[in-house]
């Protein structure tokens, strides 16, 4: 399409791809039990198991319906390119 895609369509396509690669539920469940000491290990486990980036893990966990500890959210915020949008 010559690089002219509707931004909404592109965002939905990226969200679909992210869900295929790492379901939000899985990311949320894994990180829901994490604390400040174990969050890095949990992120490494997910990146290794699903072969995705740390940033994708962070966004999928944030977008899950599972509540995360504030310290875990702060750690995840540090993994994304745009922390202000996290």
PDB file of N, CA and C in Angstrom:
ATOM      1  N   UNK A   1       0.820  -1.190   0.000  1.00  0.00           N
ATOM      2  CA  UNK A   1       0.000   0.000   0.000  1.00  0.00           C
ATOM      3  C   UNK A   1       0.866   1.257   0.000  1.00  0.00           C
ATOM      4  N   UNK A   2       2.102   1.107  -0.345  1.00  0.00           N
ATOM      5  CA  UNK A   2       2.963   2.268  -0.465  1.00  0.00           C
ATOM      6  C   UNK A   2       3.261   2.953   0.854  1.00  0.00           C
ATOM      7  N   UNK A   3       3.144   2.240   1.970  1.00  0.00           N
ATOM      8  CA  UNK A   3       3.423   2.837   3.265  1.00  0.00           C
ATOM      9  C   UNK A   3       2.303   3.694   3.812  1.00  0.00           C
ATOM     10  N   UNK A   4       1.173   3.708   3.134  1.00  0.00           N
ATOM     11  CA  UNK A   4       0.042   4.538   3.589  1.00  0.00           C
ATOM     12  C   UNK A   4      -1.030   3.651   4.222  1.00  0.00           C
ATOM     13  N   UNK A   5      -0.826   3.327   5.474  1.00  0.00           N
ATOM     14  CA  UNK A   5      -1.804   2.531   6.193  1.00  0.00           C
ATOM     15  C   UNK A   5      -2.513   3.398   7.216  1.00  0.00           C
ATOM     16  N   UNK A   6      -3.747   3.092   7.423  1.00  0.00           N
ATOM     17  CA  UNK A   6      -4.518   3.753   8.465  1.00  0.00           C
ATOM     18  C   UNK A   6      -3.866   3.409   9.807  1.00  0.00           C
ATOM     19  N   UNK A   7      -3.516   4.398  10.632  1.00  0.00           N
ATOM     20  CA  UNK A   7      -2.859   4.118  11.913  1.00  0.00           C
ATOM     21  C   UNK A   7      -3.673   3.193  12.823  1.00  0.00           C
ATOM     22  N   UNK A   8      -4.975   3.292  12.779  1.00  0.00           N
ATOM     23  CA  UNK A   8      -5.819   2.422  13.594  1.00  0.00           C
ATOM     24  C   UNK A   8      -5.704   0.977  13.148  1.00  0.00           C
ATOM     25  N   UNK A   9      -5.688   0.760  11.851  1.00  0.00           N
ATOM     26  CA  UNK A   9      -5.547  -0.595  11.317  1.00  0.00           C
ATOM     27  C   UNK A   9      -4.183  -1.158  11.688  1.00  0.00           C
ATOM     28  N   UNK A  10      -3.159  -0.344  11.568  1.00  0.00           N
ATOM     29  CA  UNK A  10      -1.803  -0.782  11.913  1.00  0.00           C
ATOM     30  C   UNK A  10      -1.707  -1.139  13.392  1.00  0.00           C
ATOM     31  N   UNK A  11      -2.302  -0.336  14.257  1.00  0.00           N
ATOM     32  CA  UNK A  11      -2.273  -0.606  15.693  1.00  0.00           C
ATOM     33  C   UNK A  11      -2.982  -1.922  16.016  1.00  0.00           C
ATOM     34  N   UNK A  12      -4.105  -2.163  15.370  1.00  0.00           N
ATOM     35  CA  UNK A  12      -4.835  -3.425  15.598  1.00  0.00           C
ATOM     36  C   UNK A  12      -4.045  -4.619  15.104  1.00  0.00           C
ATOM     37  N   UNK A  13      -3.362  -4.461  13.983  1.00  0.00           N
ATOM     38  CA  UNK A  13      -2.538  -5.551  13.447  1.00  0.00           C
ATOM     39  C   UNK A  13      -1.387  -5.868  14.399  1.00  0.00           C
ATOM     40  N   UNK A  14      -0.767  -4.840  14.943  1.00  0.00           N
ATOM     41  CA  UNK A  14       0.331  -5.059  15.897  1.00  0.00           C
ATOM     42  C   UNK A  14      -0.174  -5.709  17.177  1.00  0.00           C
ATOM     43  N   UNK A  15      -1.342  -5.302  17.645  1.00  0.00           N
ATOM     44  CA  UNK A  15      -1.918  -5.901  18.847  1.00  0.00           C
ATOM     45  C   UNK A  15      -2.239  -7.377  18.615  1.00  0.00           C
ATOM     46  N   UNK A  16      -2.756  -7.691  17.434  1.00  0.00           N
ATOM     47  CA  UNK A  16      -3.052  -9.084  17.101  1.00  0.00           C
ATOM     48  C   UNK A  16      -1.762  -9.901  17.078  1.00  0.00           C
ATOM     49  N   UNK A  17      -0.728  -9.369  16.451  1.00  0.00           N
ATOM     50  CA  UNK A  17       0.557 -10.077  16.376  1.00  0.00           C
ATOM     51  C   UNK A  17       1.132 -10.295  17.773  1.00  0.00           C
ATOM     52  N   UNK A  18       1.039  -9.293  18.620  1.00  0.00           N
ATOM     53  CA  UNK A  18       1.549  -9.422  19.982  1.00  0.00           C
ATOM     54  C   UNK A  18       0.807 -10.513  20.738  1.00  0.00           C
ATOM     55  N   UNK A  19      -0.496 -10.576  20.546  1.00  0.00           N
ATOM     56  CA  UNK A  19      -1.306 -11.587  21.240  1.00  0.00           C
ATOM     57  C   UNK A  19      -0.973 -12.990  20.754  1.00  0.00           C
ATOM     58  N   UNK A  20      -0.672 -13.125  19.472  1.00  0.00           N
ATOM     59  CA  UNK A  20      -0.282 -14.431  18.928  1.00  0.00           C
ATOM     60  C   UNK A  20       1.065 -14.861  19.515  1.00  0.00           C
ATOM     61  N   UNK A  21       1.987 -13.912  19.602  1.00  0.00           N
ATOM     62  CA  UNK A  21       3.327 -14.231  20.096  1.00  0.00           C
ATOM     63  C   UNK A  21       3.347 -14.521  21.596  1.00  0.00           C
ATOM     64  N   UNK A  22       2.644 -13.711  22.371  1.00  0.00           N
ATOM     65  CA  UNK A  22       2.600 -13.853  23.832  1.00  0.00           C
ATOM     66  C   UNK A  22       1.230 -13.408  24.318  1.00  0.00           C
ATOM     67  N   UNK A  23       0.364 -14.339  24.654  1.00  0.00           N
ATOM     68  CA  UNK A  23      -0.964 -13.951  25.149  1.00  0.00           C
ATOM     69  C   UNK A  23      -0.863 -13.081  26.404  1.00  0.00           C
ATOM     70  N   UNK A  24      -1.673 -12.024  26.448  1.00  0.00           N
ATOM     71  CA  UNK A  24      -1.680 -11.120  27.593  1.00  0.00           C
ATOM     72  C   UNK A  24      -1.918 -11.869  28.894  1.00  0.00           C
ATOM     73  N   UNK A  25      -2.817 -12.818  28.858  1.00  0.00           N
ATOM     74  CA  UNK A  25      -3.139 -13.586  30.063  1.00  0.00           C
ATOM     75  C   UNK A  25      -1.898 -14.281  30.619  1.00  0.00           C
ATOM     76  N   UNK A  26      -1.104 -14.889  29.754  1.00  0.00           N
ATOM     77  CA  UNK A  26       0.111 -15.582  30.197  1.00  0.00           C
ATOM     78  C   UNK A  26       1.107 -14.612  30.815  1.00  0.00           C
ATOM     79  N   UNK A  27       1.285 -13.465  30.171  1.00  0.00           N
ATOM     80  CA  UNK A  27       2.210 -12.460  30.698  1.00  0.00           C
ATOM     81  C   UNK A  27       1.722 -11.945  32.047  1.00  0.00           C
ATOM     82  N   UNK A  28       0.448 -11.643  32.127  1.00  0.00           N
ATOM     83  CA  UNK A  28      -0.103 -11.141  33.376  1.00  0.00           C
ATOM     84  C   UNK A  28      -0.008 -12.134  34.514  1.00  0.00           C
ATOM     85  N   UNK A  29      -0.343 -13.389  34.230  1.00  0.00           N
ATOM     86  CA  UNK A  29      -0.285 -14.420  35.273  1.00  0.00           C
ATOM     87  C   UNK A  29       1.133 -14.623  35.782  1.00  0.00           C
ATOM     88  N   UNK A  30       2.087 -14.649  34.882  1.00  0.00           N
ATOM     89  CA  UNK A  30       3.484 -14.852  35.274  1.00  0.00           C
ATOM     90  C   UNK A  30       3.982 -13.699  36.148  1.00  0.00           C
ATOM     91  N   UNK A  31       3.614 -12.486  35.789  1.00  0.00           N
ATOM     92  CA  UNK A  31       4.124 -11.324  36.510  1.00  0.00           C
ATOM     93  C   UNK A  31       3.271 -10.943  37.711  1.00  0.00           C
ATOM     94  N   UNK A  32       2.072 -11.466  37.823  1.00  0.00           N
ATOM     95  CA  UNK A  32       1.210 -11.171  38.973  1.00  0.00           C
ATOM     96  C   UNK A  32       1.805 -11.718  40.256  1.00  0.00           C
ATOM     97  N   UNK A  33       2.557 -12.783  40.155  1.00  0.00           N
ATOM     98  CA  UNK A  33       3.155 -13.393  41.348  1.00  0.00           C
ATOM     99  C   UNK A  33       4.562 -12.882  41.600  1.00  0.00           C
ATOM    100  N   UNK A  34       5.056 -12.013  40.724  1.00  0.00           N
ATOM    101  CA  UNK A  34       6.410 -11.479  40.876  1.00  0.00           C
ATOM    102  C   UNK A  34       6.423 -10.333  41.883  1.00  0.00           C
ATOM    103  N   UNK A  35       7.591 -10.127  42.462  1.00  0.00           N
ATOM    104  CA  UNK A  35       7.809  -8.965  43.321  1.00  0.00           C
ATOM    105  C   UNK A  35       9.067  -8.261  42.824  1.00  0.00           C
ATOM    106  N   UNK A  36       9.511  -7.259  43.542  1.00  0.00           N
ATOM    107  CA  UNK A  36      10.654  -6.456  43.098  1.00  0.00           C
ATOM    108  C   UNK A  36      11.903  -7.307  42.884  1.00  0.00           C
ATOM    109  N   UNK A  37      12.057  -8.376  43.648  1.00  0.00           N
ATOM    110  CA  UNK A  37      13.244  -9.221  43.529  1.00  0.00           C
ATOM    111  C   UNK A  37      13.148 -10.248  42.405  1.00  0.00           C
ATOM    112  N   UNK A  38      11.950 -10.646  42.045  1.00  0.00           N
ATOM    113  CA  UNK A  38      11.808 -11.734  41.069  1.00  0.00           C
ATOM    114  C   UNK A  38      11.303 -11.283  39.705  1.00  0.00           C
ATOM    115  N   UNK A  39      10.980 -10.013  39.547  1.00  0.00           N
ATOM    116  CA  UNK A  39      10.393  -9.556  38.287  1.00  0.00           C
ATOM    117  C   UNK A  39      11.362  -9.722  37.113  1.00  0.00           C
ATOM    118  N   UNK A  40      12.631  -9.430  37.302  1.00  0.00           N
ATOM    119  CA  UNK A  40      13.596  -9.558  36.207  1.00  0.00           C
ATOM    120  C   UNK A  40      13.688 -11.013  35.749  1.00  0.00           C
ATOM    121  N   UNK A  41      13.673 -11.928  36.702  1.00  0.00           N
ATOM    122  CA  UNK A  41      13.724 -13.354  36.369  1.00  0.00           C
ATOM    123  C   UNK A  41      12.469 -13.785  35.616  1.00  0.00           C
ATOM    124  N   UNK A  42      11.325 -13.287  36.031  1.00  0.00           N
ATOM    125  CA  UNK A  42      10.066 -13.624  35.367  1.00  0.00           C
ATOM    126  C   UNK A  42      10.051 -13.090  33.934  1.00  0.00           C
ATOM    127  N   UNK A  43      10.559 -11.881  33.737  1.00  0.00           N
ATOM    128  CA  UNK A  43      10.621 -11.312  32.384  1.00  0.00           C
ATOM    129  C   UNK A  43      11.559 -12.142  31.518  1.00  0.00           C
ATOM    130  N   UNK A  44      12.727 -12.495  32.055  1.00  0.00           N
ATOM    131  CA  UNK A  44      13.666 -13.341  31.290  1.00  0.00           C
ATOM    132  C   UNK A  44      13.037 -14.677  30.924  1.00  0.00           C
ATOM    133  N   UNK A  45      12.282 -15.251  31.844  1.00  0.00           N
ATOM    134  CA  UNK A  45      11.618 -16.526  31.587  1.00  0.00           C
ATOM    135  C   UNK A  45      10.632 -16.399  30.421  1.00  0.00           C
ATOM    136  N   UNK A  46       9.837 -15.340  30.431  1.00  0.00           N
ATOM    137  CA  UNK A  46       8.864 -15.135  29.351  1.00  0.00           C
ATOM    138  C   UNK A  46       9.552 -14.860  28.021  1.00  0.00           C
ATOM    139  N   UNK A  47      10.614 -14.042  28.029  1.00  0.00           N
ATOM    140  CA  UNK A  47      11.306 -13.749  26.768  1.00  0.00           C
ATOM    141  C   UNK A  47      11.926 -15.004  26.190  1.00  0.00           C
ATOM    142  N   UNK A  48      12.429 -15.854  27.049  1.00  0.00           N
ATOM    143  CA  UNK A  48      13.042 -17.100  26.584  1.00  0.00           C
ATOM    144  C   UNK A  48      11.993 -18.097  26.087  1.00  0.00           C
ATOM    145  N   UNK A  49      10.942 -18.263  26.857  1.00  0.00           N
ATOM    146  CA  UNK A  49       9.912 -19.249  26.515  1.00  0.00           C
ATOM    147  C   UNK A  49       9.157 -18.873  25.243  1.00  0.00           C
ATOM    148  N   UNK A  50       8.828 -17.595  25.087  1.00  0.00           N
ATOM    149  CA  UNK A  50       8.023 -17.158  23.949  1.00  0.00           C
ATOM    150  C   UNK A  50       8.852 -16.525  22.832  1.00  0.00           C
ATOM    151  N   UNK A  51      10.147 -16.324  23.102  1.00  0.00           N
ATOM    152  CA  UNK A  51      11.056 -15.725  22.109  1.00  0.00           C
ATOM    153  C   UNK A  51      10.565 -14.359  21.642  1.00  0.00           C
ATOM    154  N   UNK A  52      10.302 -13.524  22.616  1.00  0.00           N
ATOM    155  CA  UNK A  52       9.840 -12.158  22.359  1.00  0.00           C
ATOM    156  C   UNK A  52      10.745 -11.185  23.100  1.00  0.00           C
ATOM    157  N   UNK A  53      10.573  -9.909  22.821  1.00  0.00           N
ATOM    158  CA  UNK A  53      11.383  -8.887  23.473  1.00  0.00           C
ATOM    159  C   UNK A  53      10.854  -8.579  24.877  1.00  0.00           C
ATOM    160  N   UNK A  54      11.725  -7.969  25.675  1.00  0.00           N
ATOM    161  CA  UNK A  54      11.302  -7.536  27.007  1.00  0.00           C
ATOM    162  C   UNK A  54      10.198  -6.492  26.906  1.00  0.00           C
ATOM    163  N   UNK A  55      10.285  -5.656  25.887  1.00  0.00           N
ATOM    164  CA  UNK A  55       9.257  -4.630  25.728  1.00  0.00           C
ATOM    165  C   UNK A  55       7.894  -5.252  25.450  1.00  0.00           C
ATOM    166  N   UNK A  56       7.860  -6.293  24.623  1.00  0.00           N
ATOM    167  CA  UNK A  56       6.583  -6.949  24.343  1.00  0.00           C
ATOM    168  C   UNK A  56       6.029  -7.583  25.617  1.00  0.00           C
ATOM    169  N   UNK A  57       6.893  -8.189  26.415  1.00  0.00           N
ATOM    170  CA  UNK A  57       6.457  -8.759  27.694  1.00  0.00           C
ATOM    171  C   UNK A  57       5.828  -7.668  28.557  1.00  0.00           C
ATOM    172  N   UNK A  58       6.499  -6.524  28.633  1.00  0.00           N
ATOM    173  CA  UNK A  58       6.003  -5.431  29.463  1.00  0.00           C
ATOM    174  C   UNK A  58       4.621  -4.968  29.007  1.00  0.00           C
ATOM    175  N   UNK A  59       4.471  -4.720  27.718  1.00  0.00           N
ATOM    176  CA  UNK A  59       3.171  -4.235  27.216  1.00  0.00           C
ATOM    177  C   UNK A  59       2.074  -5.274  27.386  1.00  0.00           C
ATOM    178  N   UNK A  60       2.382  -6.542  27.126  1.00  0.00           N
ATOM    179  CA  UNK A  60       1.349  -7.572  27.246  1.00  0.00           C
ATOM    180  C   UNK A  60       0.916  -7.742  28.701  1.00  0.00           C
ATOM    181  N   UNK A  61       1.861  -7.663  29.627  1.00  0.00           N
ATOM    182  CA  UNK A  61       1.497  -7.767  31.043  1.00  0.00           C
ATOM    183  C   UNK A  61       0.657  -6.562  31.459  1.00  0.00           C
ATOM    184  N   UNK A  62       1.054  -5.375  31.015  1.00  0.00           N
ATOM    185  CA  UNK A  62       0.298  -4.161  31.346  1.00  0.00           C
ATOM    186  C   UNK A  62      -1.106  -4.228  30.780  1.00  0.00           C
ATOM    187  N   UNK A  63      -1.249  -4.758  29.575  1.00  0.00           N
ATOM    188  CA  UNK A  63      -2.555  -4.798  28.917  1.00  0.00           C
ATOM    189  C   UNK A  63      -3.417  -5.980  29.347  1.00  0.00           C
ATOM    190  N   UNK A  64      -2.866  -6.842  30.187  1.00  0.00           N
ATOM    191  CA  UNK A  64      -3.681  -7.948  30.693  1.00  0.00           C
ATOM    192  C   UNK A  64      -4.670  -7.396  31.719  1.00  0.00           C
ATOM    193  N   UNK A  65      -5.653  -8.177  32.038  1.00  0.00           N
ATOM    194  CA  UNK A  65      -6.648  -7.745  33.027  1.00  0.00           C
ATOM    195  C   UNK A  65      -6.209  -8.087  34.447  1.00  0.00           C
ATOM    196  N   UNK A  66      -4.988  -8.580  34.586  1.00  0.00           N
ATOM    197  CA  UNK A  66      -4.494  -9.030  35.884  1.00  0.00           C
ATOM    198  C   UNK A  66      -3.752  -7.893  36.584  1.00  0.00           C
ATOM    199  N   UNK A  67      -4.129  -7.573  37.819  1.00  0.00           N
ATOM    200  CA  UNK A  67      -3.449  -6.494  38.546  1.00  0.00           C
ATOM    201  C   UNK A  67      -1.990  -6.856  38.836  1.00  0.00           C
ATOM    202  N   UNK A  68      -1.124  -5.865  38.702  1.00  0.00           N
ATOM    203  CA  UNK A  68       0.302  -6.050  38.965  1.00  0.00           C
ATOM    204  C   UNK A  68       0.725  -5.163  40.124  1.00  0.00           C
ATOM    205  N   UNK A  69       1.689  -5.632  40.878  1.00  0.00           N
ATOM    206  CA  UNK A  69       2.270  -4.863  41.965  1.00  0.00           C
ATOM    207  C   UNK A  69       2.881  -3.574  41.415  1.00  0.00           C
ATOM    208  N   UNK A  70       2.818  -2.491  42.175  1.00  0.00           N
ATOM    209  CA  UNK A  70       3.358  -1.208  41.719  1.00  0.00           C
ATOM    210  C   UNK A  70       4.843  -1.297  41.371  1.00  0.00           C
ATOM    211  N   UNK A  71       5.609  -2.046  42.151  1.00  0.00           N
ATOM    212  CA  UNK A  71       7.041  -2.186  41.872  1.00  0.00           C
ATOM    213  C   UNK A  71       7.270  -2.944  40.569  1.00  0.00           C
ATOM    214  N   UNK A  72       6.431  -3.909  40.295  1.00  0.00           N
ATOM    215  CA  UNK A  72       6.532  -4.660  39.045  1.00  0.00           C
ATOM    216  C   UNK A  72       6.206  -3.738  37.876  1.00  0.00           C
ATOM    217  N   UNK A  73       5.150  -2.961  37.989  1.00  0.00           N
ATOM    218  CA  UNK A  73       4.785  -2.001  36.935  1.00  0.00           C
ATOM    219  C   UNK A  73       5.905  -0.996  36.691  1.00  0.00           C
ATOM    220  N   UNK A  74       6.534  -0.524  37.755  1.00  0.00           N
ATOM    221  CA  UNK A  74       7.641   0.419  37.600  1.00  0.00           C
ATOM    222  C   UNK A  74       8.808  -0.223  36.856  1.00  0.00           C
ATOM    223  N   UNK A  75       9.112  -1.470  37.180  1.00  0.00           N
ATOM    224  CA  UNK A  75      10.185  -2.175  36.483  1.00  0.00           C
ATOM    225  C   UNK A  75       9.840  -2.326  35.002  1.00  0.00           C
ATOM    226  N   UNK A  76       8.623  -2.742  34.723  1.00  0.00           N
ATOM    227  CA  UNK A  76       8.192  -2.940  33.339  1.00  0.00           C
ATOM    228  C   UNK A  76       8.215  -1.628  32.560  1.00  0.00           C
ATOM    229  N   UNK A  77       7.833  -0.535  33.210  1.00  0.00           N
ATOM    230  CA  UNK A  77       7.849   0.777  32.571  1.00  0.00           C
ATOM    231  C   UNK A  77       9.257   1.108  32.067  1.00  0.00           C
ATOM    232  N   UNK A  78      10.262   0.665  32.778  1.00  0.00           N
ATOM    233  CA  UNK A  78      11.641   0.909  32.378  1.00  0.00           C
ATOM    234  C   UNK A  78      12.085   0.096  31.180  1.00  0.00           C
ATOM    235  N   UNK A  79      11.280  -0.846  30.747  1.00  0.00           N
ATOM    236  CA  UNK A  79      11.641  -1.705  29.608  1.00  0.00           C
ATOM    237  C   UNK A  79      11.103  -1.204  28.274  1.00  0.00           C
ATOM    238  N   UNK A  80      10.243  -0.194  28.316  1.00  0.00           N
ATOM    239  CA  UNK A  80       9.597   0.247  27.076  1.00  0.00           C
ATOM    240  C   UNK A  80      10.236   1.531  26.550  1.00  0.00           C
ATOM    241  N   UNK A  81      10.099   1.727  25.264  1.00  0.00           N
ATOM    242  CA  UNK A  81      10.678   2.889  24.598  1.00  0.00           C
ATOM    243  C   UNK A  81       9.960   4.172  24.997  1.00  0.00           C
ATOM    244  N   UNK A  82       8.664   4.084  25.216  1.00  0.00           N
ATOM    245  CA  UNK A  82       7.871   5.264  25.581  1.00  0.00           C
ATOM    246  C   UNK A  82       7.259   5.080  26.971  1.00  0.00           C
ATOM    247  N   UNK A  83       8.052   5.223  28.022  1.00  0.00           N
ATOM    248  CA  UNK A  83       7.532   4.987  29.372  1.00  0.00           C
ATOM    249  C   UNK A  83       6.374   5.899  29.745  1.00  0.00           C
ATOM    250  N   UNK A  84       6.301   7.079  29.154  1.00  0.00           N
ATOM    251  CA  UNK A  84       5.205   7.987  29.493  1.00  0.00           C
ATOM    252  C   UNK A  84       3.857   7.449  29.029  1.00  0.00           C
ATOM    253  N   UNK A  85       3.852   6.566  28.039  1.00  0.00           N
ATOM    254  CA  UNK A  85       2.601   5.977  27.558  1.00  0.00           C
ATOM    255  C   UNK A  85       2.253   4.690  28.294  1.00  0.00           C
ATOM    256  N   UNK A  86       3.176   4.207  29.119  1.00  0.00           N
ATOM    257  CA  UNK A  86       2.978   2.961  29.829  1.00  0.00           C
ATOM    258  C   UNK A  86       2.029   3.189  30.998  1.00  0.00           C
TER     259      UNK A  86
END
